[in-house]
All heavy atoms as atom14 arrays in JSON, in Angstrom:
{
  "sequence": "SSDEVEKIGIARAWEAIERADVVLFLHDLTRINAIDYI",
  "atom14_mask": [
    [1, 1, 1, 1, 1, 1, 0, 0, 0, 0, 0, 0, 0, 0],
    [1, 1, 1, 1, 1, 1, 0, 0, 0, 0, 0, 0, 0, 0],
    [1, 1, 1, 1, 1, 1, 1, 1, 0, 0, 0, 0, 0, 0],
    [1, 1, 1, 1, 1, 1, 1, 1, 1, 0, 0, 0, 0, 0],
    [1, 1, 1, 1, 1, 1, 1, 0, 0, 0, 0, 0, 0, 0],
    [1, 1, 1, 1, 1, 1, 1, 1, 1, 0, 0, 0, 0, 0],
    [1, 1, 1, 1, 1, 1, 1, 1, 1, 0, 0, 0, 0, 0],
    [1, 1, 1, 1, 1, 1, 1, 1, 0, 0, 0, 0, 0, 0],
    [1, 1, 1, 1, 0, 0, 0, 0, 0, 0, 0, 0, 0, 0],
    [1, 1, 1, 1, 1, 1, 1, 1, 0, 0, 0, 0, 0, 0],
    [1, 1, 1, 1, 1, 0, 0, 0, 0, 0, 0, 0, 0, 0],
    [1, 1, 1, 1, 1, 1, 1, 1, 1, 1, 1, 0, 0, 0],
    [1, 1, 1, 1, 1, 0, 0, 0, 0, 0, 0, 0, 0, 0],
    [1, 1, 1, 1, 1, 1, 1, 1, 1, 1, 1, 1, 1, 1],
    [1, 1, 1, 1, 1, 1, 1, 1, 1, 0, 0, 0, 0, 0],
    [1, 1, 1, 1, 1, 0, 0, 0, 0, 0, 0, 0, 0, 0],
    [1, 1, 1, 1, 1, 1, 1, 1, 0, 0, 0, 0, 0, 0],
    [1, 1, 1, 1, 1, 1, 1, 1, 1, 0, 0, 0, 0, 0],
    [1, 1, 1, 1, 1, 1, 1, 1, 1, 1, 1, 0, 0, 0],
    [1, 1, 1, 1, 1, 0, 0, 0, 0, 0, 0, 0, 0, 0],
    [1, 1, 1, 1, 1, 1, 1, 1, 0, 0, 0, 0, 0, 0],
    [1, 1, 1, 1, 1, 1, 1, 0, 0, 0, 0, 0, 0, 0],
    [1, 1, 1, 1, 1, 1, 1, 0, 0, 0, 0, 0, 0, 0],
    [1, 1, 1, 1, 1, 1, 1, 1, 0, 0, 0, 0, 0, 0],
    [1, 1, 1, 1, 1, 1, 1, 1, 1, 1, 1, 0, 0, 0],
    [1, 1, 1, 1, 1, 1, 1, 1, 0, 0, 0, 0, 0, 0],
    [1, 1, 1, 1, 1, 1, 1, 1, 1, 1, 0, 0, 0, 0],
    [1, 1, 1, 1, 1, 1, 1, 1, 0, 0, 0, 0, 0, 0],
    [1, 1, 1, 1, 1, 1, 1, 1, 0, 0, 0, 0, 0, 0],
    [1, 1, 1, 1, 1, 1, 1, 0, 0, 0, 0, 0, 0, 0],
    [1, 1, 1, 1, 1, 1, 1, 1, 1, 1, 1, 0, 0, 0],
    [1, 1, 1, 1, 1, 1, 1, 1, 0, 0, 0, 0, 0, 0],
    [1, 1, 1, 1, 1, 1, 1, 1, 0, 0, 0, 0, 0, 0],
    [1, 1, 1, 1, 1, 0, 0, 0, 0, 0, 0, 0, 0, 0],
    [1, 1, 1, 1, 1, 1, 1, 1, 0, 0, 0, 0, 0, 0],
    [1, 1, 1, 1, 1, 1, 1, 1, 0, 0, 0, 0, 0, 0],
    [1, 1, 1, 1, 1, 1, 1, 1, 1, 1, 1, 1, 0, 0],
    [1, 1, 1, 1, 1, 1, 1, 1, 0, 0, 0, 0, 0, 0]
  ],
  "atom14_positions": [
    [[62.46, 91.8, 140.62], [63.3, 92.36, 141.72], [63.33, 93.82, 141.61], [63.31, 94.41, 140.5], [64.57, 91.81, 141.56], [65.53, 92.32, 142.54], [0.0, 0.0, 0.0], [0.0, 0.0, 0.0], [0.0, 0.0, 0.0], [0.0, 0.0, 0.0], [0.0, 0.0, 0.0], [0.0, 0.0, 0.0], [0.0, 0.0, 0.0], [0.0, 0.0, 0.0]],
    [[63.28, 94.5, 142.82], [63.46, 96.0, 142.86], [64.96, 96.41, 143.14], [65.28, 97.62, 143.13], [62.54, 96.56, 143.9], [62.9, 95.99, 145.2], [0.0, 0.0, 0.0], [0.0, 0.0, 0.0], [0.0, 0.0, 0.0], [0.0, 0.0, 0.0], [0.0, 0.0, 0.0], [0.0, 0.0, 0.0], [0.0, 0.0, 0.0], [0.0, 0.0, 0.0]],
    [[65.83, 95.34, 143.34], [67.18, 95.69, 143.71], [67.91, 95.99, 142.36], [67.89, 95.13, 141.44], [67.83, 94.48, 144.35], [69.28, 94.7, 144.79], [70.17, 94.86, 143.84], [69.52, 94.6, 145.94], [0.0, 0.0, 0.0], [0.0, 0.0, 0.0], [0.0, 0.0, 0.0], [0.0, 0.0, 0.0], [0.0, 0.0, 0.0], [0.0, 0.0, 0.0]],
    [[68.48, 97.18, 142.3], [69.11, 97.65, 140.99], [70.25, 96.7, 140.49], [70.44, 96.47, 139.27], [69.64, 98.97, 141.1], [68.49, 100.07, 141.1], [67.64, 99.99, 139.93], [68.19, 99.84, 138.82], [66.38, 100.14, 139.98], [0.0, 0.0, 0.0], [0.0, 0.0, 0.0], [0.0, 0.0, 0.0], [0.0, 0.0, 0.0], [0.0, 0.0, 0.0]],
    [[71.09, 96.31, 141.51], [72.28, 95.31, 141.09], [71.75, 94.03, 140.77], [72.17, 93.5, 139.67], [73.23, 95.24, 142.43], [74.26, 94.21, 141.96], [73.75, 96.57, 142.79], [0.0, 0.0, 0.0], [0.0, 0.0, 0.0], [0.0, 0.0, 0.0], [0.0, 0.0, 0.0], [0.0, 0.0, 0.0], [0.0, 0.0, 0.0], [0.0, 0.0, 0.0]],
    [[70.8, 93.55, 141.39], [70.14, 92.11, 140.96], [69.57, 92.29, 139.59], [69.54, 91.31, 138.9], [69.26, 91.66, 142.05], [68.67, 90.22, 141.78], [67.72, 89.72, 142.9], [67.4, 90.51, 143.72], [67.48, 88.53, 142.72], [0.0, 0.0, 0.0], [0.0, 0.0, 0.0], [0.0, 0.0, 0.0], [0.0, 0.0, 0.0], [0.0, 0.0, 0.0]],
    [[68.79, 93.36, 139.39], [68.18, 93.6, 138.04], [69.23, 93.51, 136.95], [68.86, 92.92, 135.8], [67.38, 94.89, 138.09], [66.07, 94.86, 138.83], [65.5, 96.17, 139.04], [64.95, 96.86, 137.82], [64.23, 98.08, 137.93], [0.0, 0.0, 0.0], [0.0, 0.0, 0.0], [0.0, 0.0, 0.0], [0.0, 0.0, 0.0], [0.0, 0.0, 0.0]],
    [[70.35, 94.04, 137.2], [71.42, 94.05, 136.1], [71.75, 92.64, 135.95], [72.06, 92.14, 134.76], [72.62, 94.89, 136.52], [72.16, 96.44, 136.61], [73.75, 94.7, 135.64], [73.2, 97.35, 137.04], [0.0, 0.0, 0.0], [0.0, 0.0, 0.0], [0.0, 0.0, 0.0], [0.0, 0.0, 0.0], [0.0, 0.0, 0.0], [0.0, 0.0, 0.0]],
    [[72.04, 91.83, 137.02], [72.47, 90.46, 136.97], [71.39, 89.71, 136.24], [71.76, 88.79, 135.4], [0.0, 0.0, 0.0], [0.0, 0.0, 0.0], [0.0, 0.0, 0.0], [0.0, 0.0, 0.0], [0.0, 0.0, 0.0], [0.0, 0.0, 0.0], [0.0, 0.0, 0.0], [0.0, 0.0, 0.0], [0.0, 0.0, 0.0], [0.0, 0.0, 0.0]],
    [[70.05, 89.92, 136.47], [69.07, 89.13, 135.79], [68.97, 89.41, 134.24], [68.87, 88.6, 133.46], [67.59, 89.51, 136.43], [67.6, 88.95, 137.88], [66.45, 88.97, 135.59], [66.46, 89.34, 138.65], [0.0, 0.0, 0.0], [0.0, 0.0, 0.0], [0.0, 0.0, 0.0], [0.0, 0.0, 0.0], [0.0, 0.0, 0.0], [0.0, 0.0, 0.0]],
    [[69.24, 90.74, 133.99], [69.29, 91.1, 132.59], [70.42, 90.43, 131.86], [70.35, 89.89, 130.66], [69.5, 92.7, 132.36], [0.0, 0.0, 0.0], [0.0, 0.0, 0.0], [0.0, 0.0, 0.0], [0.0, 0.0, 0.0], [0.0, 0.0, 0.0], [0.0, 0.0, 0.0], [0.0, 0.0, 0.0], [0.0, 0.0, 0.0], [0.0, 0.0, 0.0]],
    [[71.56, 90.29, 132.48], [72.75, 89.56, 131.96], [72.44, 88.08, 131.81], [72.86, 87.42, 130.87], [73.96, 89.76, 132.78], [74.56, 91.22, 132.73], [75.75, 91.45, 133.5], [76.24, 92.78, 133.35], [77.32, 93.31, 134.03], [78.03, 92.47, 134.75], [77.71, 94.51, 133.77], [0.0, 0.0, 0.0], [0.0, 0.0, 0.0], [0.0, 0.0, 0.0]],
    [[71.71, 87.55, 132.7], [71.21, 86.17, 132.63], [70.4, 85.93, 131.4], [70.65, 84.95, 130.67], [70.41, 85.75, 133.91], [0.0, 0.0, 0.0], [0.0, 0.0, 0.0], [0.0, 0.0, 0.0], [0.0, 0.0, 0.0], [0.0, 0.0, 0.0], [0.0, 0.0, 0.0], [0.0, 0.0, 0.0], [0.0, 0.0, 0.0], [0.0, 0.0, 0.0]],
    [[69.49, 86.81, 131.11], [68.65, 86.59, 129.91], [69.59, 86.83, 128.62], [69.36, 86.07, 127.58], [67.49, 87.68, 129.76], [66.38, 87.3, 130.76], [66.04, 87.93, 131.88], [65.53, 86.16, 130.49], [64.93, 87.32, 132.47], [64.66, 86.28, 131.63], [65.45, 85.16, 129.66], [63.69, 85.27, 131.85], [64.53, 84.12, 129.86], [63.65, 84.32, 130.84]],
    [[70.58, 87.73, 128.65], [71.49, 87.8, 127.56], [72.25, 86.54, 127.35], [72.53, 86.13, 126.18], [72.45, 88.91, 127.81], [71.88, 90.39, 127.73], [72.82, 91.4, 128.18], [74.04, 91.13, 128.49], [72.43, 92.6, 128.23], [0.0, 0.0, 0.0], [0.0, 0.0, 0.0], [0.0, 0.0, 0.0], [0.0, 0.0, 0.0], [0.0, 0.0, 0.0]],
    [[72.65, 85.87, 128.39], [73.42, 84.56, 128.27], [72.51, 83.54, 127.78], [72.96, 82.64, 126.89], [74.0, 84.2, 129.65], [0.0, 0.0, 0.0], [0.0, 0.0, 0.0], [0.0, 0.0, 0.0], [0.0, 0.0, 0.0], [0.0, 0.0, 0.0], [0.0, 0.0, 0.0], [0.0, 0.0, 0.0], [0.0, 0.0, 0.0], [0.0, 0.0, 0.0]],
    [[71.28, 83.54, 128.22], [70.3, 82.5, 127.66], [70.09, 82.63, 126.16], [70.1, 81.63, 125.42], [68.98, 82.59, 128.39], [69.03, 82.18, 129.96], [67.89, 81.81, 127.75], [67.95, 82.5, 130.77], [0.0, 0.0, 0.0], [0.0, 0.0, 0.0], [0.0, 0.0, 0.0], [0.0, 0.0, 0.0], [0.0, 0.0, 0.0], [0.0, 0.0, 0.0]],
    [[70.04, 83.87, 125.66], [69.8, 84.06, 124.26], [71.01, 83.57, 123.41], [70.85, 83.23, 122.18], [69.55, 85.58, 123.96], [68.19, 86.13, 124.58], [68.12, 87.54, 124.32], [69.14, 88.18, 123.97], [66.92, 88.04, 124.41], [0.0, 0.0, 0.0], [0.0, 0.0, 0.0], [0.0, 0.0, 0.0], [0.0, 0.0, 0.0], [0.0, 0.0, 0.0]],
    [[72.22, 83.55, 124.0], [73.34, 83.19, 123.31], [73.71, 81.67, 123.54], [74.75, 81.2, 122.98], [74.64, 84.04, 123.68], [74.53, 85.46, 123.22], [75.74, 86.26, 123.39], [76.23, 86.29, 124.72], [75.97, 87.38, 125.49], [75.25, 88.34, 125.05], [76.35, 87.33, 126.79], [0.0, 0.0, 0.0], [0.0, 0.0, 0.0], [0.0, 0.0, 0.0]],
    [[72.97, 80.93, 124.31], [73.32, 79.58, 124.6], [73.08, 78.6, 123.48], [72.32, 78.82, 122.58], [72.39, 79.17, 125.91], [0.0, 0.0, 0.0], [0.0, 0.0, 0.0], [0.0, 0.0, 0.0], [0.0, 0.0, 0.0], [0.0, 0.0, 0.0], [0.0, 0.0, 0.0], [0.0, 0.0, 0.0], [0.0, 0.0, 0.0], [0.0, 0.0, 0.0]],
    [[73.9, 77.61, 123.54], [73.65, 76.35, 122.67], [72.74, 75.41, 123.3], [71.97, 74.67, 122.64], [75.08, 75.75, 122.33], [76.05, 76.6, 121.58], [75.58, 77.22, 120.65], [77.2, 76.61, 121.96], [0.0, 0.0, 0.0], [0.0, 0.0, 0.0], [0.0, 0.0, 0.0], [0.0, 0.0, 0.0], [0.0, 0.0, 0.0], [0.0, 0.0, 0.0]],
    [[72.82, 75.42, 124.65], [71.9, 74.45, 125.42], [71.57, 75.23, 126.68], [72.42, 75.93, 127.28], [72.56, 73.05, 125.81], [71.57, 72.31, 126.62], [73.01, 72.41, 124.55], [0.0, 0.0, 0.0], [0.0, 0.0, 0.0], [0.0, 0.0, 0.0], [0.0, 0.0, 0.0], [0.0, 0.0, 0.0], [0.0, 0.0, 0.0], [0.0, 0.0, 0.0]],
    [[70.27, 75.18, 127.14], [69.87, 75.82, 128.41], [69.56, 74.62, 129.36], [68.69, 73.75, 128.95], [68.69, 76.81, 128.17], [68.14, 77.16, 129.58], [69.04, 77.85, 127.39], [0.0, 0.0, 0.0], [0.0, 0.0, 0.0], [0.0, 0.0, 0.0], [0.0, 0.0, 0.0], [0.0, 0.0, 0.0], [0.0, 0.0, 0.0], [0.0, 0.0, 0.0]],
    [[70.1, 74.61, 130.48], [69.69, 73.84, 131.62], [68.66, 74.51, 132.43], [69.19, 75.43, 133.21], [70.86, 73.24, 132.43], [71.97, 72.53, 131.77], [73.09, 72.13, 132.69], [71.36, 71.24, 131.05], [0.0, 0.0, 0.0], [0.0, 0.0, 0.0], [0.0, 0.0, 0.0], [0.0, 0.0, 0.0], [0.0, 0.0, 0.0], [0.0, 0.0, 0.0]],
    [[67.44, 74.17, 132.39], [66.42, 74.89, 133.25], [66.33, 74.07, 134.55], [65.83, 73.0, 134.58], [65.05, 74.89, 132.55], [63.95, 75.69, 133.16], [64.24, 76.44, 134.27], [62.68, 75.7, 132.57], [63.29, 77.21, 134.87], [61.69, 76.59, 133.18], [61.98, 77.22, 134.33], [0.0, 0.0, 0.0], [0.0, 0.0, 0.0], [0.0, 0.0, 0.0]],
    [[66.87, 74.73, 135.6], [66.99, 74.11, 136.84], [65.79, 74.31, 137.76], [65.4, 75.5, 137.96], [68.3, 74.54, 137.55], [68.76, 73.58, 138.68], [69.15, 72.32, 138.23], [70.06, 74.31, 139.39], [0.0, 0.0, 0.0], [0.0, 0.0, 0.0], [0.0, 0.0, 0.0], [0.0, 0.0, 0.0], [0.0, 0.0, 0.0], [0.0, 0.0, 0.0]],
    [[65.17, 73.25, 138.17], [64.07, 73.27, 139.13], [64.45, 72.72, 140.52], [65.36, 72.02, 140.63], [62.93, 72.49, 138.66], [62.57, 72.77, 137.19], [61.74, 73.76, 136.65], [62.95, 72.1, 136.01], [61.68, 73.71, 135.48], [62.4, 72.71, 135.0], [0.0, 0.0, 0.0], [0.0, 0.0, 0.0], [0.0, 0.0, 0.0], [0.0, 0.0, 0.0]],
    [[63.68, 73.22, 141.53], [63.86, 72.78, 142.96], [62.96, 71.65, 143.14], [61.63, 71.92, 143.28], [63.67, 73.91, 143.86], [64.05, 73.51, 145.3], [64.11, 72.41, 145.55], [64.22, 74.48, 146.1], [0.0, 0.0, 0.0], [0.0, 0.0, 0.0], [0.0, 0.0, 0.0], [0.0, 0.0, 0.0], [0.0, 0.0, 0.0], [0.0, 0.0, 0.0]],
    [[63.45, 70.41, 143.34], [62.55, 69.26, 143.45], [61.8, 69.24, 144.85], [60.71, 68.71, 144.97], [63.34, 68.04, 143.47], [62.64, 66.64, 143.16], [61.68, 66.81, 141.9], [63.65, 65.56, 143.05], [0.0, 0.0, 0.0], [0.0, 0.0, 0.0], [0.0, 0.0, 0.0], [0.0, 0.0, 0.0], [0.0, 0.0, 0.0], [0.0, 0.0, 0.0]],
    [[62.36, 70.06, 145.83], [61.66, 70.17, 147.04], [60.47, 71.03, 147.07], [59.58, 71.05, 147.99], [62.57, 70.65, 148.17], [63.0, 71.93, 147.85], [63.9, 69.77, 148.3], [0.0, 0.0, 0.0], [0.0, 0.0, 0.0], [0.0, 0.0, 0.0], [0.0, 0.0, 0.0], [0.0, 0.0, 0.0], [0.0, 0.0, 0.0], [0.0, 0.0, 0.0]],
    [[60.25, 71.78, 145.98], [59.12, 72.7, 145.81], [58.25, 72.31, 144.63], [57.53, 73.13, 144.04], [59.68, 74.15, 145.62], [60.32, 74.81, 146.84], [60.7, 76.15, 146.71], [61.98, 76.35, 145.9], [62.51, 77.43, 145.68], [61.84, 78.6, 145.87], [63.77, 77.51, 145.07], [0.0, 0.0, 0.0], [0.0, 0.0, 0.0], [0.0, 0.0, 0.0]],
    [[58.31, 71.08, 144.21], [57.63, 70.58, 143.15], [56.06, 70.65, 143.3], [55.31, 70.77, 142.36], [58.0, 69.09, 142.83], [57.43, 68.71, 141.42], [57.45, 68.17, 143.85], [57.97, 67.3, 140.98], [0.0, 0.0, 0.0], [0.0, 0.0, 0.0], [0.0, 0.0, 0.0], [0.0, 0.0, 0.0], [0.0, 0.0, 0.0], [0.0, 0.0, 0.0]],
    [[55.6, 70.73, 144.63], [54.16, 70.71, 144.88], [53.74, 72.08, 145.21], [52.55, 72.35, 145.65], [53.77, 69.76, 145.96], [53.99, 68.34, 145.46], [53.61, 67.93, 144.27], [54.52, 67.47, 146.28], [0.0, 0.0, 0.0], [0.0, 0.0, 0.0], [0.0, 0.0, 0.0], [0.0, 0.0, 0.0], [0.0, 0.0, 0.0], [0.0, 0.0, 0.0]],
    [[54.69, 73.16, 145.25], [54.3, 74.44, 145.65], [53.72, 75.16, 144.46], [54.36, 75.37, 143.38], [55.54, 75.2, 146.2], [0.0, 0.0, 0.0], [0.0, 0.0, 0.0], [0.0, 0.0, 0.0], [0.0, 0.0, 0.0], [0.0, 0.0, 0.0], [0.0, 0.0, 0.0], [0.0, 0.0, 0.0], [0.0, 0.0, 0.0], [0.0, 0.0, 0.0]],
    [[52.5, 75.62, 144.59], [51.74, 76.19, 143.43], [52.48, 77.48, 142.94], [52.62, 77.64, 141.73], [50.33, 76.52, 143.86], [49.49, 75.28, 144.17], [49.59, 77.22, 142.68], [48.15, 75.43, 144.74], [0.0, 0.0, 0.0], [0.0, 0.0, 0.0], [0.0, 0.0, 0.0], [0.0, 0.0, 0.0], [0.0, 0.0, 0.0], [0.0, 0.0, 0.0]],
    [[52.85, 78.37, 143.85], [53.46, 79.6, 143.38], [54.77, 79.37, 142.65], [55.12, 80.06, 141.63], [53.71, 80.52, 144.56], [52.43, 81.06, 145.15], [51.42, 80.93, 144.52], [52.4, 81.58, 146.33], [0.0, 0.0, 0.0], [0.0, 0.0, 0.0], [0.0, 0.0, 0.0], [0.0, 0.0, 0.0], [0.0, 0.0, 0.0], [0.0, 0.0, 0.0]],
    [[55.48, 78.37, 143.16], [56.81, 78.08, 142.56], [56.57, 77.51, 141.2], [57.34, 77.85, 140.17], [57.58, 77.07, 143.39], [58.95, 76.73, 142.86], [60.06, 77.53, 143.06], [59.1, 75.54, 142.22], [61.28, 77.18, 142.55], [60.39, 75.21, 141.64], [61.5, 76.08, 141.8], [62.64, 75.75, 141.3], [0.0, 0.0, 0.0], [0.0, 0.0, 0.0]],
    [[55.68, 76.56, 141.04], [55.38, 75.9, 139.66], [54.89, 77.05, 138.76], [55.31, 76.93, 137.5], [54.43, 74.78, 139.9], [54.98, 73.59, 140.58], [53.98, 74.24, 138.52], [56.37, 73.09, 140.13], [0.0, 0.0, 0.0], [0.0, 0.0, 0.0], [0.0, 0.0, 0.0], [0.0, 0.0, 0.0], [0.0, 0.0, 0.0], [0.0, 0.0, 0.0]]
  ]
}
């Protein structure tokens, strides 16, 4: 992302992932066959 606010949110997301006890990696089932998405 080039959006400065969104980039801060994404950085915080990675910080939360590093401190997690469990990570739920959520996928979109409607895009299961989309090559770019996968």
